[in-house]
Protein backbone atom coordinates (compact mmCIF):
# COMPACT_ATOMS: atom_id res chain seq x y z
CA MET A 1 29.81 -36.27 21.45
CA PRO A 2 32.53 -35.84 24.10
CA SER A 3 31.29 -36.57 27.69
CA GLU A 4 32.07 -33.68 29.11
CA LEU A 5 29.10 -31.83 27.08
CA ALA A 6 26.47 -33.87 27.46
CA CYS A 7 23.95 -33.31 29.64
CA ASN A 8 23.16 -35.81 32.31
CA PHE A 9 20.06 -37.20 33.12
CA MET A 10 17.17 -35.32 34.06
CA GLN A 11 16.48 -34.03 36.82
CA ILE A 12 12.53 -33.13 37.86
CA LYS A 13 11.41 -30.42 41.08
CA ARG A 14 8.49 -30.06 42.22
CA THR A 15 7.13 -26.53 43.12
CA ASP A 16 4.26 -24.87 44.68
CA ALA A 17 3.42 -24.84 41.32
CA GLY A 18 4.13 -26.98 39.23
CA TYR A 19 7.39 -28.80 38.74
CA ILE A 20 10.96 -27.74 37.08
CA ALA A 21 12.86 -30.11 35.03
CA PHE A 22 16.72 -29.63 34.02
CA CYS A 23 19.74 -31.44 33.17
CA GLU A 24 22.28 -30.60 35.01
CA PRO A 25 23.19 -30.85 38.98
CA GLU A 26 24.56 -27.74 40.06
CA LEU A 27 20.89 -26.12 38.79
CA LYS A 28 19.37 -27.93 41.78
CA PRO A 29 18.34 -24.78 42.96
CA ILE A 30 16.65 -23.44 40.58
CA THR A 31 13.07 -21.96 41.21
CA PRO A 32 10.26 -20.57 39.10
CA ASP A 33 11.89 -17.34 38.84
CA TRP A 34 13.99 -18.26 36.33
CA PHE A 35 11.89 -18.51 33.45
CA THR A 36 10.63 -14.68 33.86
CA PHE A 37 11.86 -11.68 32.10
CA ASP A 38 11.36 -9.66 35.37
CA TYR A 39 14.05 -11.69 36.81
CA TRP A 40 16.66 -11.44 34.85
CA GLN A 41 15.69 -7.93 34.24
CA ASP A 42 16.00 -6.97 37.82
CA LEU A 43 19.66 -8.71 38.02
CA GLY A 44 20.51 -6.52 35.22
CA ASP A 45 21.10 -10.08 32.79
CA ILE A 46 19.22 -9.43 29.72
CA THR A 47 21.35 -9.22 27.01
CA GLY A 48 18.97 -9.10 23.43
CA SER A 49 15.81 -10.39 22.54
CA SER A 50 14.20 -12.16 19.09
CA THR A 51 11.18 -11.45 18.18
CA GLY A 52 9.06 -13.82 16.00
CA ARG A 53 4.93 -13.84 17.05
CA TYR A 54 6.22 -13.02 20.75
CA THR A 55 9.80 -12.41 22.32
CA THR A 56 11.79 -14.30 23.37
CA TRP A 57 14.59 -12.86 26.09
CA PHE A 58 18.48 -13.74 25.99
CA VAL A 59 20.50 -13.78 28.92
CA ASP A 60 23.39 -13.93 30.96
CA PRO A 61 23.51 -16.86 33.69
CA GLN A 62 26.94 -15.64 34.87
CA HIS A 63 25.32 -14.59 38.32
CA ILE A 64 23.95 -17.90 39.14
CA THR A 65 26.07 -19.99 37.04
CA ARG A 66 29.71 -18.46 37.24
CA HIS A 67 31.34 -20.80 35.64
CA LYS A 68 29.34 -20.80 32.96
CA LYS A 69 29.83 -19.14 30.02
CA ALA A 70 27.30 -19.86 27.62
CA GLN A 71 24.60 -17.87 27.13
CA TRP A 72 20.77 -18.57 27.43
CA VAL A 73 17.39 -18.36 25.84
CA LEU A 74 14.38 -18.03 27.92
CA ARG A 75 11.32 -18.92 25.41
CA HIS A 76 7.55 -18.97 27.28
CA TYR A 77 4.85 -21.62 25.46
CA TYR A 78 1.75 -19.27 23.63
CA ARG A 79 -0.99 -21.27 21.10
CA GLY A 80 -0.88 -20.20 17.84
CA GLY A 81 -3.72 -20.78 15.16
CA VAL A 82 -7.98 -20.78 15.43
CA MET A 83 -7.16 -21.50 19.72
CA ALA A 84 -5.06 -18.70 19.98
CA LYS A 85 -7.75 -16.63 20.58
CA PHE A 86 -9.04 -18.45 23.11
CA SER A 87 -5.92 -19.24 25.08
CA HIS A 88 -2.63 -17.64 24.75
CA ASP A 89 -0.72 -20.33 26.42
CA SER A 90 -2.38 -21.94 28.81
CA TYR A 91 -2.98 -25.95 27.66
CA LEU A 92 -5.35 -28.67 29.11
CA TYR A 93 -2.71 -31.15 31.56
CA THR A 94 -2.30 -34.70 30.40
CA GLY A 95 0.35 -35.36 32.42
CA LEU A 96 3.77 -34.17 33.03
CA LYS A 97 5.60 -36.12 30.18
CA ARG A 98 2.97 -34.94 27.89
CA THR A 99 3.38 -31.46 28.85
CA ARG A 100 4.95 -29.34 26.11
CA ALA A 101 8.00 -27.77 27.69
CA ILE A 102 8.98 -31.07 29.63
CA ALA A 103 8.28 -32.98 26.10
CA GLU A 104 10.48 -30.58 24.24
CA LEU A 105 13.16 -30.70 27.08
CA THR A 106 13.22 -34.62 26.82
CA LEU A 107 13.68 -34.81 23.37
CA LEU A 108 16.18 -32.36 22.96
CA GLU A 109 18.65 -34.11 25.86
CA GLN A 110 18.34 -37.01 24.04
CA LEU A 111 19.29 -35.96 20.71
CA PHE A 112 21.71 -33.58 22.09
CA ASN A 113 23.51 -36.71 23.88
CA GLU A 114 23.23 -38.82 20.94
CA GLY A 115 25.54 -35.61 18.96
CA PHE A 116 22.62 -34.36 16.57
CA ALA A 117 23.00 -30.53 16.10
CA VAL A 118 20.77 -29.05 18.50
CA PRO A 119 21.02 -26.60 21.30
CA LYS A 120 21.84 -27.38 24.66
CA PRO A 121 19.27 -28.25 26.34
CA VAL A 122 19.05 -26.65 30.24
CA ALA A 123 15.63 -26.48 32.01
CA ALA A 124 11.55 -26.22 31.17
CA GLN A 125 9.09 -25.67 34.07
CA ILE A 126 4.64 -26.01 33.36
CA GLN A 127 3.07 -24.46 35.98
CA ARG A 128 -0.84 -25.92 36.88
CA HIS A 129 -3.66 -23.55 36.84
CA GLY A 130 -5.75 -26.31 37.51
CA MET A 131 -6.82 -28.41 34.81
CA HIS A 132 -4.62 -26.53 32.67
CA TYR A 133 -0.93 -25.38 32.55
CA ARG A 134 1.36 -23.22 30.63
CA GLY A 135 5.24 -23.54 30.23
CA ASP A 136 8.37 -22.30 29.29
CA ILE A 137 12.05 -23.74 28.51
CA ILE A 138 15.54 -22.55 28.69
CA ILE A 139 18.29 -23.37 26.58
CA GLU A 140 22.02 -22.83 26.01
CA ARG A 141 21.95 -19.81 22.97
CA ILE A 142 24.25 -20.59 19.70
CA GLU A 143 26.95 -17.93 19.92
CA GLY A 144 27.55 -16.42 16.56
CA ALA A 145 24.24 -17.45 14.84
CA GLN A 146 21.88 -16.60 12.99
CA ASP A 147 18.66 -17.69 11.28
CA LEU A 148 18.47 -18.48 7.55
CA VAL A 149 16.51 -15.67 6.98
CA ALA A 150 18.47 -12.91 8.52
CA GLN A 151 21.52 -15.22 6.74
CA LEU A 152 20.11 -15.73 3.11
CA SER A 153 18.52 -11.54 3.17
CA HIS A 154 22.26 -9.96 2.95
CA ALA A 155 24.10 -12.87 1.69
CA PRO A 156 23.57 -16.07 -0.55
CA MET A 157 25.26 -19.53 0.93
CA THR A 158 26.91 -21.94 -1.72
CA ASP A 159 25.99 -25.00 -3.43
CA ALA A 160 28.55 -27.14 -0.73
CA GLN A 161 27.05 -24.71 1.98
CA TRP A 162 22.98 -25.77 0.67
CA GLN A 163 23.93 -29.37 0.33
CA ALA A 164 24.83 -29.90 4.10
CA LEU A 165 22.00 -28.91 5.03
CA GLY A 166 20.48 -31.24 3.32
CA LYS A 167 22.45 -33.36 4.33
CA LEU A 168 21.62 -32.03 7.67
CA ILE A 169 17.63 -32.73 7.64
CA ALA A 170 18.80 -36.15 6.26
CA THR A 171 20.37 -37.65 9.26
CA PHE A 172 17.44 -36.43 11.53
CA HIS A 173 14.78 -37.97 9.24
CA GLN A 174 17.31 -41.25 9.00
CA ARG A 175 16.65 -40.99 13.13
CA GLY A 176 13.76 -40.64 13.27
CA VAL A 177 13.00 -37.10 14.07
CA TYR A 178 10.24 -35.19 13.42
CA HIS A 179 9.92 -31.31 13.05
CA ALA A 180 6.99 -30.02 13.42
CA ASP A 181 7.58 -27.00 12.73
CA LEU A 182 10.43 -27.20 9.85
CA ASN A 183 10.83 -23.56 8.56
CA ALA A 184 13.30 -21.08 7.77
CA LYS A 185 14.24 -19.51 11.29
CA ASN A 186 14.14 -22.09 12.75
CA ILE A 187 17.55 -23.36 11.21
CA LEU A 188 20.48 -21.29 12.51
CA ILE A 189 23.83 -20.75 10.94
CA GLY A 190 27.44 -20.34 12.40
CA ASN A 191 30.82 -20.21 11.52
CA ASP A 192 29.51 -23.73 8.68
CA ASN A 193 27.38 -25.24 10.32
CA PHE A 194 23.67 -25.19 10.70
CA THR A 195 21.37 -26.39 14.09
CA LEU A 196 18.01 -26.86 14.11
CA ILE A 197 16.18 -24.96 17.33
CA ASP A 198 12.18 -25.26 18.04
CA PHE A 199 11.50 -29.03 19.05
CA ASP A 200 7.90 -28.11 20.36
CA ARG A 201 5.69 -30.03 19.18
CA GLY A 202 8.20 -32.43 17.74
CA GLU A 203 8.96 -36.54 18.30
CA LEU A 204 10.57 -39.50 17.74
CA ARG A 205 8.71 -41.63 15.12
CA THR A 206 9.07 -44.41 12.66
CA PRO A 207 11.29 -43.31 9.50
CA SER A 208 8.78 -42.74 6.92
CA PRO A 209 8.97 -41.44 3.17
CA LYS A 210 5.33 -39.76 4.09
CA TRP A 211 6.32 -37.77 7.20
CA GLN A 212 9.42 -37.10 6.11
CA GLN A 213 8.06 -35.57 2.99
CA ALA A 214 6.24 -33.54 4.45
CA ASN A 215 8.30 -31.95 6.35
CA LEU A 216 10.92 -30.79 3.09
CA ASP A 217 7.83 -29.88 1.63
CA ARG A 218 7.22 -26.51 4.50
CA LEU A 219 10.33 -26.14 4.18
CA LEU A 220 10.29 -25.46 0.89
CA ARG A 221 7.18 -22.80 1.16
CA SER A 222 8.90 -20.82 4.48
CA PHE A 223 11.10 -19.89 1.86
CA ASN A 224 8.26 -19.38 -0.83
CA LYS A 225 6.91 -17.30 1.89
CA GLU A 226 9.96 -15.48 3.40
CA LYS A 227 11.23 -14.36 -0.66
CA THR A 228 7.32 -13.20 -1.14
CA LYS A 229 8.50 -11.10 1.72
CA LEU A 230 12.13 -10.03 0.51
CA ALA A 231 12.53 -10.58 -3.19
CA THR A 232 16.11 -9.96 -2.68
CA LEU A 233 16.06 -13.37 -0.47
CA HIS A 234 19.02 -15.40 -1.92
CA PHE A 235 17.23 -18.56 -2.29
CA ASN A 236 15.77 -19.56 -5.77
CA ASP A 237 15.09 -23.26 -7.30
CA HIS A 238 19.03 -24.41 -7.61
CA ASN A 239 19.57 -23.61 -3.89
CA TRP A 240 16.39 -26.14 -3.34
CA GLN A 241 17.84 -28.39 -5.78
CA GLN A 242 21.54 -28.58 -4.47
CA LEU A 243 19.25 -29.11 -0.95
CA MET A 244 18.20 -31.81 -1.98
CA ALA A 245 20.77 -33.41 -3.77
CA GLY A 246 22.79 -33.48 -0.11
CA TYR A 247 19.80 -35.20 1.55
CA LEU A 248 19.28 -37.58 -0.70
CA GLN A 249 23.30 -38.20 -1.00
CA ALA A 250 22.86 -38.47 3.15
């Protein structure tokens, strides 16, 4: 990856409630307000949102980083599954590097600097509350991209595109990148390029057929699940076989 696009070494800033990590020196004035919807709404800089289980916000940061043209994505960390019934966004604090926000930002910084197709990381924060914490992350938005469910809901992909996607996933696996939630909505397509997003709970592991196959199985289940929601979704067995052909060729 060209050096001018690379993230600088992550810096940590202490706040009254916790810590902020950021990847660019120009962000040094960053404050916890940057991780709130209200802050950006008051500036008139909320440009949109994406709604899944929870809402993520699209932000135009021009008021604070005027020379930047990139848009940002602001995401708060929420629990899923059974634990969400007890606490929807609070996690046990076992060390800064093990918090979900800082761990994801760290992984993204490493992968981005190595040239992998991931969003450019911007910043993350955790706020301590006794033995627990809450977290947020900011990444750059992939301009003109949409997730595969949105893409396949209105148009099919070519065999070459499915094979390219398979090859991309294989390169992540060969590097030992474990994506904890590899699904159709966490893969973006834009300008015929794919990007993997949402590396919460992701990590680098020793490559192993067991977890790599589990990753692929999870992705296939997500396509089939989306197909049950929308019968006209442009996905079938042939598409999956093309993806796997690309994966095995990588």
